[in-house]
C-alpha atoms as a PDB file:
ATOM      1  CA  MET A   1       3.794 -17.106  -5.428  1.00  0.00           C
ATOM      2  CA  GLY A   2       5.141 -18.957  -3.126  1.00  0.00           C
ATOM      3  CA  ALA A   3       3.696 -19.291   1.017  1.00  0.00           C
ATOM      4  CA  GLY A   4       4.194 -17.552   4.173  1.00  0.00           C
ATOM      5  CA  HIS A   5       4.250 -14.209   3.217  1.00  0.00           C
ATOM      6  CA  ALA A   6       2.205 -12.545   5.310  1.00  0.00           C
ATOM      7  CA  HIS A   7       1.709  -8.827   5.289  1.00  0.00           C
ATOM      8  CA  ARG A   8       1.672  -6.666   8.838  1.00  0.00           C
ATOM      9  CA  LEU A   9      -1.887  -5.178   7.908  1.00  0.00           C
ATOM     10  CA  TYR A  10      -3.101  -9.113   7.496  1.00  0.00           C
ATOM     11  CA  ARG A  11      -4.376 -10.216  10.746  1.00  0.00           C
ATOM     12  CA  HIS A  12      -4.791 -13.677  10.667  1.00  0.00           C
ATOM     13  CA  GLY A  13      -8.573 -15.939  11.704  1.00  0.00           C
ATOM     14  CA  HIS A  14     -10.380 -18.553  11.080  1.00  0.00           C
ATOM     15  CA  SER A  15     -13.823 -16.746  10.267  1.00  0.00           C
ATOM     16  CA  VAL A  16     -15.889 -17.322   7.677  1.00  0.00           C
ATOM     17  CA  VAL A  17     -14.493 -13.650   5.763  1.00  0.00           C
ATOM     18  CA  HIS A  18     -11.236 -15.441   6.033  1.00  0.00           C
ATOM     19  CA  ARG A  19     -12.615 -18.663   4.401  1.00  0.00           C
ATOM     20  CA  LEU A  20     -14.448 -16.663   1.040  1.00  0.00           C
ATOM     21  CA  ALA A  21     -11.684 -16.945  -1.507  1.00  0.00           C
ATOM     22  CA  PRO A  22      -9.900 -14.203  -2.873  1.00  0.00           C
ATOM     23  CA  GLU A  23     -11.862 -13.414  -5.962  1.00  0.00           C
ATOM     24  CA  VAL A  24     -15.421 -12.798  -4.484  1.00  0.00           C
ATOM     25  CA  LYS A  25     -13.448 -10.849  -1.904  1.00  0.00           C
ATOM     26  CA  LEU A  26     -12.102  -8.563  -4.333  1.00  0.00           C
ATOM     27  CA  ALA A  27     -15.320  -8.309  -6.412  1.00  0.00           C
ATOM     28  CA  ALA A  28     -16.872  -7.521  -3.532  1.00  0.00           C
ATOM     29  CA  VAL A  29     -15.268  -4.285  -1.852  1.00  0.00           C
ATOM     30  CA  LEU A  30     -15.001  -3.101  -5.713  1.00  0.00           C
ATOM     31  CA  GLY A  31     -18.668  -2.761  -6.444  1.00  0.00           C
ATOM     32  CA  PHE A  32     -18.932  -1.899  -2.766  1.00  0.00           C
ATOM     33  CA  VAL A  33     -16.264   1.447  -3.274  1.00  0.00           C
ATOM     34  CA  VAL A  34     -18.578   1.864  -7.049  1.00  0.00           C
ATOM     35  CA  VAL A  35     -21.672   1.895  -5.426  1.00  0.00           C
ATOM     36  CA  VAL A  36     -20.597   3.850  -2.477  1.00  0.00           C
ATOM     37  CA  VAL A  37     -18.323   6.867  -4.758  1.00  0.00           C
ATOM     38  CA  SER A  38     -21.622   7.099  -6.951  1.00  0.00           C
ATOM     39  CA  THR A  39     -23.824   8.280  -3.957  1.00  0.00           C
ATOM     40  CA  PRO A  40     -25.082  11.879  -4.018  1.00  0.00           C
ATOM     41  CA  ARG A  41     -23.232  13.590  -1.153  1.00  0.00           C
ATOM     42  CA  GLU A  42     -25.989  15.077   0.337  1.00  0.00           C
ATOM     43  CA  ALA A  43     -27.538  11.613   1.433  1.00  0.00           C
ATOM     44  CA  MET A  44     -25.562  11.373   4.768  1.00  0.00           C
ATOM     45  CA  TRP A  45     -27.866   8.818   6.036  1.00  0.00           C
ATOM     46  CA  ALA A  46     -26.429   6.488   3.451  1.00  0.00           C
ATOM     47  CA  PHE A  47     -23.112   7.112   4.427  1.00  0.00           C
ATOM     48  CA  GLY A  48     -23.783   6.400   8.283  1.00  0.00           C
ATOM     49  CA  ALA A  49     -25.773   2.981   6.321  1.00  0.00           C
ATOM     50  CA  TYR A  50     -22.338   2.265   4.603  1.00  0.00           C
ATOM     51  CA  ALA A  51     -20.643   2.254   7.810  1.00  0.00           C
ATOM     52  CA  VAL A  52     -23.062   0.133   9.349  1.00  0.00           C
ATOM     53  CA  LEU A  53     -22.745  -2.827   6.708  1.00  0.00           C
ATOM     54  CA  LEU A  54     -18.352  -2.483   6.952  1.00  0.00           C
ATOM     55  CA  ALA A  55     -19.279  -2.815  10.869  1.00  0.00           C
ATOM     56  CA  GLY A  56     -20.683  -5.914  10.218  1.00  0.00           C
ATOM     57  CA  VAL A  57     -17.972  -7.204   7.990  1.00  0.00           C
ATOM     58  CA  ALA A  58     -15.608  -5.951  10.290  1.00  0.00           C
ATOM     59  CA  TYR A  59     -18.034  -7.922  13.336  1.00  0.00           C
ATOM     60  CA  ALA A  60     -18.208 -11.096  10.867  1.00  0.00           C
ATOM     61  CA  ALA A  61     -14.609 -11.134  10.561  1.00  0.00           C
ATOM     62  CA  ARG A  62     -13.564 -10.564  13.898  1.00  0.00           C
ATOM     63  CA  VAL A  63     -11.544  -7.464  13.156  1.00  0.00           C
ATOM     64  CA  PRO A  64     -11.037  -5.296  16.562  1.00  0.00           C
ATOM     65  CA  PRO A  65     -11.608  -1.899  15.760  1.00  0.00           C
ATOM     66  CA  GLY A  66      -8.668  -0.670  16.978  1.00  0.00           C
ATOM     67  CA  PHE A  67      -6.631  -2.693  15.093  1.00  0.00           C
ATOM     68  CA  LEU A  68      -9.312  -0.958  12.312  1.00  0.00           C
ATOM     69  CA  LEU A  69      -8.517   2.361  12.798  1.00  0.00           C
ATOM     70  CA  LYS A  70      -4.948   2.257  13.753  1.00  0.00           C
ATOM     71  CA  ARG A  71      -4.127   1.205  10.231  1.00  0.00           C
ATOM     72  CA  MET A  72      -6.743   3.854   8.851  1.00  0.00           C
ATOM     73  CA  LEU A  73      -4.341   6.112   9.864  1.00  0.00           C
ATOM     74  CA  ILE A  74      -2.818   5.839   5.508  1.00  0.00           C
ATOM     75  CA  GLU A  75      -5.711   8.778   5.260  1.00  0.00           C
ATOM     76  CA  VAL A  76      -4.245  11.456   7.542  1.00  0.00           C
ATOM     77  CA  PRO A  77      -2.653  13.075   4.327  1.00  0.00           C
ATOM     78  CA  PHE A  78      -6.423  13.461   2.401  1.00  0.00           C
ATOM     79  CA  VAL A  79      -8.071  14.318   6.207  1.00  0.00           C
ATOM     80  CA  ALA A  80      -5.504  17.840   5.647  1.00  0.00           C
ATOM     81  CA  PHE A  81      -6.435  18.379   2.124  1.00  0.00           C
ATOM     82  CA  ALA A  82     -10.406  18.467   3.138  1.00  0.00           C
ATOM     83  CA  VAL A  83      -9.756  20.867   6.842  1.00  0.00           C
ATOM     84  CA  LEU A  84      -8.357  23.105   3.557  1.00  0.00           C
ATOM     85  CA  MET A  85     -11.257  23.137   1.201  1.00  0.00           C
ATOM     86  CA  PRO A  86     -13.722  25.145   3.071  1.00  0.00           C
ATOM     87  CA  PHE A  87     -11.192  27.954   3.979  1.00  0.00           C
ATOM     88  CA  VAL A  88      -9.834  27.870  -0.090  1.00  0.00           C
ATOM     89  CA  ALA A  89     -12.213  27.026  -1.906  1.00  0.00           C
ATOM     90  CA  GLN A  90     -14.679  29.825  -3.837  1.00  0.00           C
ATOM     91  CA  GLY A  91     -18.233  30.367  -3.596  1.00  0.00           C
ATOM     92  CA  GLU A  92     -21.590  31.288  -0.959  1.00  0.00           C
ATOM     93  CA  ARG A  93     -19.352  31.593   2.346  1.00  0.00           C
ATOM     94  CA  VAL A  94     -21.569  30.986   5.621  1.00  0.00           C
ATOM     95  CA  ASP A  95     -19.760  31.907   8.803  1.00  0.00           C
ATOM     96  CA  VAL A  96     -19.347  29.049  11.315  1.00  0.00           C
ATOM     97  CA  LEU A  97     -17.978  29.849  14.749  1.00  0.00           C
ATOM     98  CA  GLY A  98     -17.290  33.082  13.070  1.00  0.00           C
ATOM     99  CA  VAL A  99     -15.386  31.741  10.903  1.00  0.00           C
ATOM    100  CA  SER A 100     -16.473  32.406   7.484  1.00  0.00           C
ATOM    101  CA  LEU A 101     -16.318  28.769   5.482  1.00  0.00           C
ATOM    102  CA  SER A 102     -17.317  28.698   1.882  1.00  0.00           C
ATOM    103  CA  VAL A 103     -20.595  26.191   1.358  1.00  0.00           C
ATOM    104  CA  ASN A 104     -19.123  24.524  -1.635  1.00  0.00           C
ATOM    105  CA  GLY A 105     -15.811  23.665   0.747  1.00  0.00           C
ATOM    106  CA  LEU A 106     -17.954  22.245   3.231  1.00  0.00           C
ATOM    107  CA  TRP A 107     -20.123  20.393   1.015  1.00  0.00           C
ATOM    108  CA  GLY A 108     -16.191  18.892  -1.266  1.00  0.00           C
ATOM    109  CA  ALA A 109     -14.440  18.186   2.214  1.00  0.00           C
ATOM    110  CA  TRP A 110     -17.396  15.753   3.838  1.00  0.00           C
ATOM    111  CA  ASN A 111     -17.874  14.472   0.435  1.00  0.00           C
ATOM    112  CA  VAL A 112     -14.190  13.942   0.811  1.00  0.00           C
ATOM    113  CA  LEU A 113     -13.448  12.535   4.091  1.00  0.00           C
ATOM    114  CA  ALA A 114     -16.810  10.243   3.998  1.00  0.00           C
ATOM    115  CA  LYS A 115     -16.644   8.364   0.806  1.00  0.00           C
ATOM    116  CA  GLY A 116     -12.860   8.103   0.983  1.00  0.00           C
ATOM    117  CA  THR A 117     -12.896   6.647   4.828  1.00  0.00           C
ATOM    118  CA  LEU A 118     -15.591   3.922   3.823  1.00  0.00           C
ATOM    119  CA  GLY A 119     -13.050   2.920   1.014  1.00  0.00           C
ATOM    120  CA  VAL A 120      -9.790   2.842   3.154  1.00  0.00           C
ATOM    121  CA  ALA A 121     -11.848   1.261   5.458  1.00  0.00           C
ATOM    122  CA  ALA A 122     -12.901  -1.138   3.284  1.00  0.00           C
ATOM    123  CA  SER A 123      -9.597  -1.641   1.938  1.00  0.00           C
ATOM    124  CA  VAL A 124      -8.277  -2.136   5.022  1.00  0.00           C
ATOM    125  CA  LEU A 125     -10.828  -5.144   5.996  1.00  0.00           C
ATOM    126  CA  LEU A 126     -10.102  -6.833   2.476  1.00  0.00           C
ATOM    127  CA  ALA A 127      -5.766  -6.955   3.745  1.00  0.00           C
ATOM    128  CA  SER A 128      -7.045  -7.834   6.691  1.00  0.00           C
ATOM    129  CA  THR A 129      -8.549 -10.985   5.754  1.00  0.00           C
ATOM    130  CA  THR A 130      -6.774 -12.058   2.669  1.00  0.00           C
ATOM    131  CA  ASP A 131      -3.044 -12.277   2.758  1.00  0.00           C
ATOM    132  CA  LEU A 132      -0.911 -11.185  -0.224  1.00  0.00           C
ATOM    133  CA  ARG A 133      -0.352 -14.406  -2.270  1.00  0.00           C
ATOM    134  CA  ALA A 134      -4.170 -14.460  -2.029  1.00  0.00           C
ATOM    135  CA  LEU A 135      -5.231 -11.321  -3.395  1.00  0.00           C
ATOM    136  CA  LEU A 136      -2.237 -11.628  -6.432  1.00  0.00           C
ATOM    137  CA  LEU A 137      -4.003 -15.190  -7.222  1.00  0.00           C
ATOM    138  CA  GLY A 138      -7.862 -13.744  -7.082  1.00  0.00           C
ATOM    139  CA  LEU A 139      -6.357 -10.977  -9.273  1.00  0.00           C
ATOM    140  CA  GLN A 140      -5.645 -13.681 -11.557  1.00  0.00           C
ATOM    141  CA  ARG A 141      -8.728 -15.233 -11.715  1.00  0.00           C
ATOM    142  CA  LEU A 142     -10.390 -12.367 -12.301  1.00  0.00           C
ATOM    143  CA  LYS A 143      -8.778 -12.257 -15.773  1.00  0.00           C
ATOM    144  CA  LEU A 144      -6.017  -9.434 -14.546  1.00  0.00           C
ATOM    145  CA  PRO A 145      -3.252  -9.071 -17.602  1.00  0.00           C
ATOM    146  CA  PRO A 146      -0.857 -12.359 -16.600  1.00  0.00           C
ATOM    147  CA  MET A 147       1.661  -9.434 -16.784  1.00  0.00           C
ATOM    148  CA  LEU A 148       0.730  -6.706 -13.851  1.00  0.00           C
ATOM    149  CA  VAL A 149       0.082  -9.807 -12.027  1.00  0.00           C
ATOM    150  CA  GLN A 150       3.789 -10.844 -12.455  1.00  0.00           C
ATOM    151  CA  ILE A 151       4.796  -7.558 -12.161  1.00  0.00           C
ATOM    152  CA  ALA A 152       2.885  -7.051  -8.155  1.00  0.00           C
ATOM    153  CA  SER A 153       3.871 -10.211  -7.285  1.00  0.00           C
ATOM    154  CA  PHE A 154       7.238  -9.407  -7.600  1.00  0.00           C
ATOM    155  CA  MET A 155       6.869  -6.022  -6.068  1.00  0.00           C
ATOM    156  CA  ILE A 156       5.413  -7.314  -2.832  1.00  0.00           C
ATOM    157  CA  ARG A 157       7.945  -9.838  -2.654  1.00  0.00           C
ATOM    158  CA  TYR A 158      10.934  -7.505  -2.933  1.00  0.00           C
ATOM    159  CA  GLY A 159       9.687  -4.581  -1.695  1.00  0.00           C
ATOM    160  CA  ASP A 160      10.752  -6.320   1.982  1.00  0.00           C
ATOM    161  CA  VAL A 161      14.328  -7.791   0.539  1.00  0.00           C
ATOM    162  CA  ILE A 162      15.149  -4.000  -0.449  1.00  0.00           C
ATOM    163  CA  THR A 163      13.703  -2.499   2.777  1.00  0.00           C
ATOM    164  CA  ASP A 164      16.000  -4.627   4.802  1.00  0.00           C
ATOM    165  CA  GLU A 165      19.073  -3.642   2.558  1.00  0.00           C
ATOM    166  CA  MET A 166      18.555  -0.044   3.114  1.00  0.00           C
ATOM    167  CA  ARG A 167      18.341  -0.816   7.153  1.00  0.00           C
ATOM    168  CA  ARG A 168      21.350  -2.731   6.667  1.00  0.00           C
ATOM    169  CA  MET A 169      22.740  -0.204   4.805  1.00  0.00           C
ATOM    170  CA  ARG A 170      22.203   2.458   7.264  1.00  0.00           C
ATOM    171  CA  ILE A 171      23.713   0.296  10.407  1.00  0.00           C
ATOM    172  CA  ALA A 172      27.001   0.289   7.877  1.00  0.00           C
ATOM    173  CA  ARG A 173      27.020   4.230   8.486  1.00  0.00           C
ATOM    174  CA  GLU A 174      25.989   4.269  11.980  1.00  0.00           C
ATOM    175  CA  SER A 175      28.060   2.063  13.330  1.00  0.00           C
ATOM    176  CA  ARG A 176      30.898   4.120  11.428  1.00  0.00           C
ATOM    177  CA  GLY A 177      29.946   7.116  12.945  1.00  0.00           C
ATOM    178  CA  PHE A 178      27.722   8.661  10.758  1.00  0.00           C
ATOM    179  CA  THR A 179      25.025  10.255  11.112  1.00  0.00           C
ATOM    180  CA  ALA A 180      22.970  12.633   8.333  1.00  0.00           C
ATOM    181  CA  ARG A 181      22.228  16.463  10.171  1.00  0.00           C
ATOM    182  CA  GLY A 182      23.035  18.355   7.350  1.00  0.00           C
ATOM    183  CA  VAL A 183      23.159  19.650   3.781  1.00  0.00           C
ATOM    184  CA  ARG A 184      26.601  18.452   3.542  1.00  0.00           C
ATOM    185  CA  HIS A 185      25.619  15.187   4.107  1.00  0.00           C
ATOM    186  CA  TRP A 186      23.684  14.808   0.934  1.00  0.00           C
ATOM    187  CA  GLY A 187      25.989  13.912  -0.999  1.00  0.00           C
ATOM    188  CA  VAL A 188      26.756  10.736   1.496  1.00  0.00           C
ATOM    189  CA  LEU A 189      23.029   9.599   1.842  1.00  0.00           C
ATOM    190  CA  ALA A 190      23.172   9.971  -2.510  1.00  0.00           C
ATOM    191  CA  LYS A 191      26.028   7.621  -3.136  1.00  0.00           C
ATOM    192  CA  SER A 192      24.255   5.333  -0.665  1.00  0.00           C
ATOM    193  CA  ALA A 193      20.976   5.901  -2.462  1.00  0.00           C
ATOM    194  CA  GLY A 194      22.813   4.453  -5.854  1.00  0.00           C
ATOM    195  CA  ALA A 195      25.177   0.680  -4.087  1.00  0.00           C
ATOM    196  CA  LEU A 196      21.264   0.171  -3.248  1.00  0.00           C
ATOM    197  CA  PHE A 197      20.640   0.628  -7.063  1.00  0.00           C
ATOM    198  CA  ILE A 198      23.159  -1.264  -8.060  1.00  0.00           C
ATOM    199  CA  ARG A 199      22.797  -4.453  -5.277  1.00  0.00           C
ATOM    200  CA  SER A 200      18.936  -4.352  -5.963  1.00  0.00           C
ATOM    201  CA  TYR A 201      20.220  -4.789  -9.557  1.00  0.00           C
ATOM    202  CA  GLU A 202      22.661  -7.198  -9.313  1.00  0.00           C
ATOM    203  CA  ARG A 203      19.861  -9.182  -7.057  1.00  0.00           C
ATOM    204  CA  GLY A 204      16.973  -9.129  -9.424  1.00  0.00           C
ATOM    205  CA  GLU A 205      19.671 -10.712 -11.953  1.00  0.00           C
ATOM    206  CA  ARG A 206      20.476 -13.153  -9.710  1.00  0.00           C
ATOM    207  CA  VAL A 207      16.907 -13.749  -9.092  1.00  0.00           C
ATOM    208  CA  HIS A 208      15.880 -13.633 -12.762  1.00  0.00           C
ATOM    209  CA  LEU A 209      18.855 -16.576 -13.565  1.00  0.00           C
ATOM    210  CA  ALA A 210      17.865 -18.900 -10.379  1.00  0.00           C
ATOM    211  CA  MET A 211      13.379 -18.825 -11.888  1.00  0.00           C
ATOM    212  CA  ILE A 212      15.038 -19.364 -15.023  1.00  0.00           C
ATOM    213  CA  SER A 213      17.507 -22.747 -14.559  1.00  0.00           C
ATOM    214  CA  ARG A 214      14.037 -23.819 -11.868  1.00  0.00           C
ATOM    215  CA  GLY A 215      11.304 -23.845 -14.988  1.00  0.00           C
ATOM    216  CA  TYR A 216      10.662 -20.130 -15.075  1.00  0.00           C
ATOM    217  CA  ALA A 217       8.561 -19.158 -18.442  1.00  0.00           C
ATOM    218  CA  GLY A 218       6.820 -16.608 -17.369  1.00  0.00           C
ATOM    219  CA  SER A 219       3.910 -17.167 -14.966  1.00  0.00           C
ATOM    220  CA  MET A 220       4.418 -18.612 -11.387  1.00  0.00           C
ATOM    221  CA  PRO A 221       2.785 -21.445 -10.123  1.00  0.00           C
ATOM    222  CA  VAL A 222      -0.406 -21.482  -8.642  1.00  0.00           C
ATOM    223  CA  ILE A 223      -0.411 -23.548  -5.440  1.00  0.00           C
ATOM    224  CA  ASP A 224      -4.071 -23.031  -4.258  1.00  0.00           C
ATOM    225  CA  GLU A 225      -6.496 -23.989  -7.433  1.00  0.00           C
ATOM    226  CA  VAL A 226     -10.251 -23.995  -4.688  1.00  0.00           C
ATOM    227  CA  THR A 227     -12.644 -21.810  -6.147  1.00  0.00           C
ATOM    228  CA  ALA A 228     -15.160 -20.238  -5.053  1.00  0.00           C
ATOM    229  CA  ASP A 229     -18.734 -21.848  -5.465  1.00  0.00           C
ATOM    230  CA  ARG A 230     -21.958 -19.849  -5.620  1.00  0.00           C
ATOM    231  CA  GLY A 231     -22.709 -19.798  -1.830  1.00  0.00           C
ATOM    232  CA  GLN A 232     -19.534 -18.045  -2.225  1.00  0.00           C
ATOM    233  CA  TRP A 233     -20.272 -15.439  -4.245  1.00  0.00           C
ATOM    234  CA  ALA A 234     -23.590 -14.899  -2.828  1.00  0.00           C
ATOM    235  CA  TYR A 235     -22.109 -14.177   0.277  1.00  0.00           C
ATOM    236  CA  ALA A 236     -20.028 -11.196  -0.778  1.00  0.00           C
ATOM    237  CA  LEU A 237     -21.943  -9.814  -3.239  1.00  0.00           C
ATOM    238  CA  ALA A 238     -24.548  -9.534  -0.058  1.00  0.00           C
ATOM    239  CA  LEU A 239     -22.463  -6.481   1.202  1.00  0.00           C
ATOM    240  CA  PRO A 240     -22.081  -4.267  -2.814  1.00  0.00           C
ATOM    241  CA  ALA A 241     -26.095  -5.672  -2.999  1.00  0.00           C
ATOM    242  CA  ALA A 242     -27.127  -4.272  -0.032  1.00  0.00           C
ATOM    243  CA  ALA A 243     -24.792  -0.680  -0.391  1.00  0.00           C
ATOM    244  CA  LEU A 244     -26.719  -0.383  -3.442  1.00  0.00           C
ATOM    245  CA  VAL A 245     -30.142  -0.082  -2.212  1.00  0.00           C
ATOM    246  CA  VAL A 246     -29.273   2.253  -0.476  1.00  0.00           C
ATOM    247  CA  CYS A 247     -27.658   4.162  -3.003  1.00  0.00           C
ATOM    248  CA  LEU A 248     -31.064   4.167  -5.036  1.00  0.00           C
ATOM    249  CA  LEU A 249     -32.666   5.076  -2.055  1.00  0.00           C
ATOM    250  CA  GLY A 250     -30.464   8.169  -1.125  1.00  0.00           C
ATOM    251  CA  TRP A 251     -30.964   9.278  -4.784  1.00  0.00           C
ATOM    252  CA  THR A 252     -34.532   8.786  -5.100  1.00  0.00           C
ATOM    253  CA  LEU A 253     -35.571  10.024  -1.094  1.00  0.00           C
END
């Protein structure tokens, strides 16, 4: 899978969370998200408890709050959707500061915001403490279909390559005085997209031939053979276990 390919979401560190095997972190995040989604939306205090649990993980991983919050901006489109729900949803209405809002829409907005924010935060923490190569290795150890792991590996590896190719093509256009300012320039952009596709396809052919010449037979070699022990599983699963306790209390109280 190759080493040295670090994504900008990853924050290099030597914390106890960084040292956990990738498969235990993946299982812990998946379990945590499932528990959060299963929590009744009326148990508002439970979501606060989940936030405290994630804050504890971030502290143990030495991930600064600013780093975490900045990378959670990906959630903004979902926030915009949630804000509109009280205005467009049907059912019982309630006046808030002179504005008529739907009760069901308010509950729905809260449900989306609370659960979505916690899920995004957990995912960002996972990406911040685990590099991409390790994540792919963790998926492989969790018995994800090998073909899906290979597809994800190539997408990650060559996504940046294609992005760099797009950047070079843009610089080449601008160096020739081209600036896209309207519909009349769409033809040039369409031709650039076609050229990018052809270049990407040709590069993929060359990479495939190079891999076959080096003995590729459908699976990438695994460099890191270190697996998780019982202690690591117990440490990582403490997060979803604590969240499960909160969820059960949320249903019973």
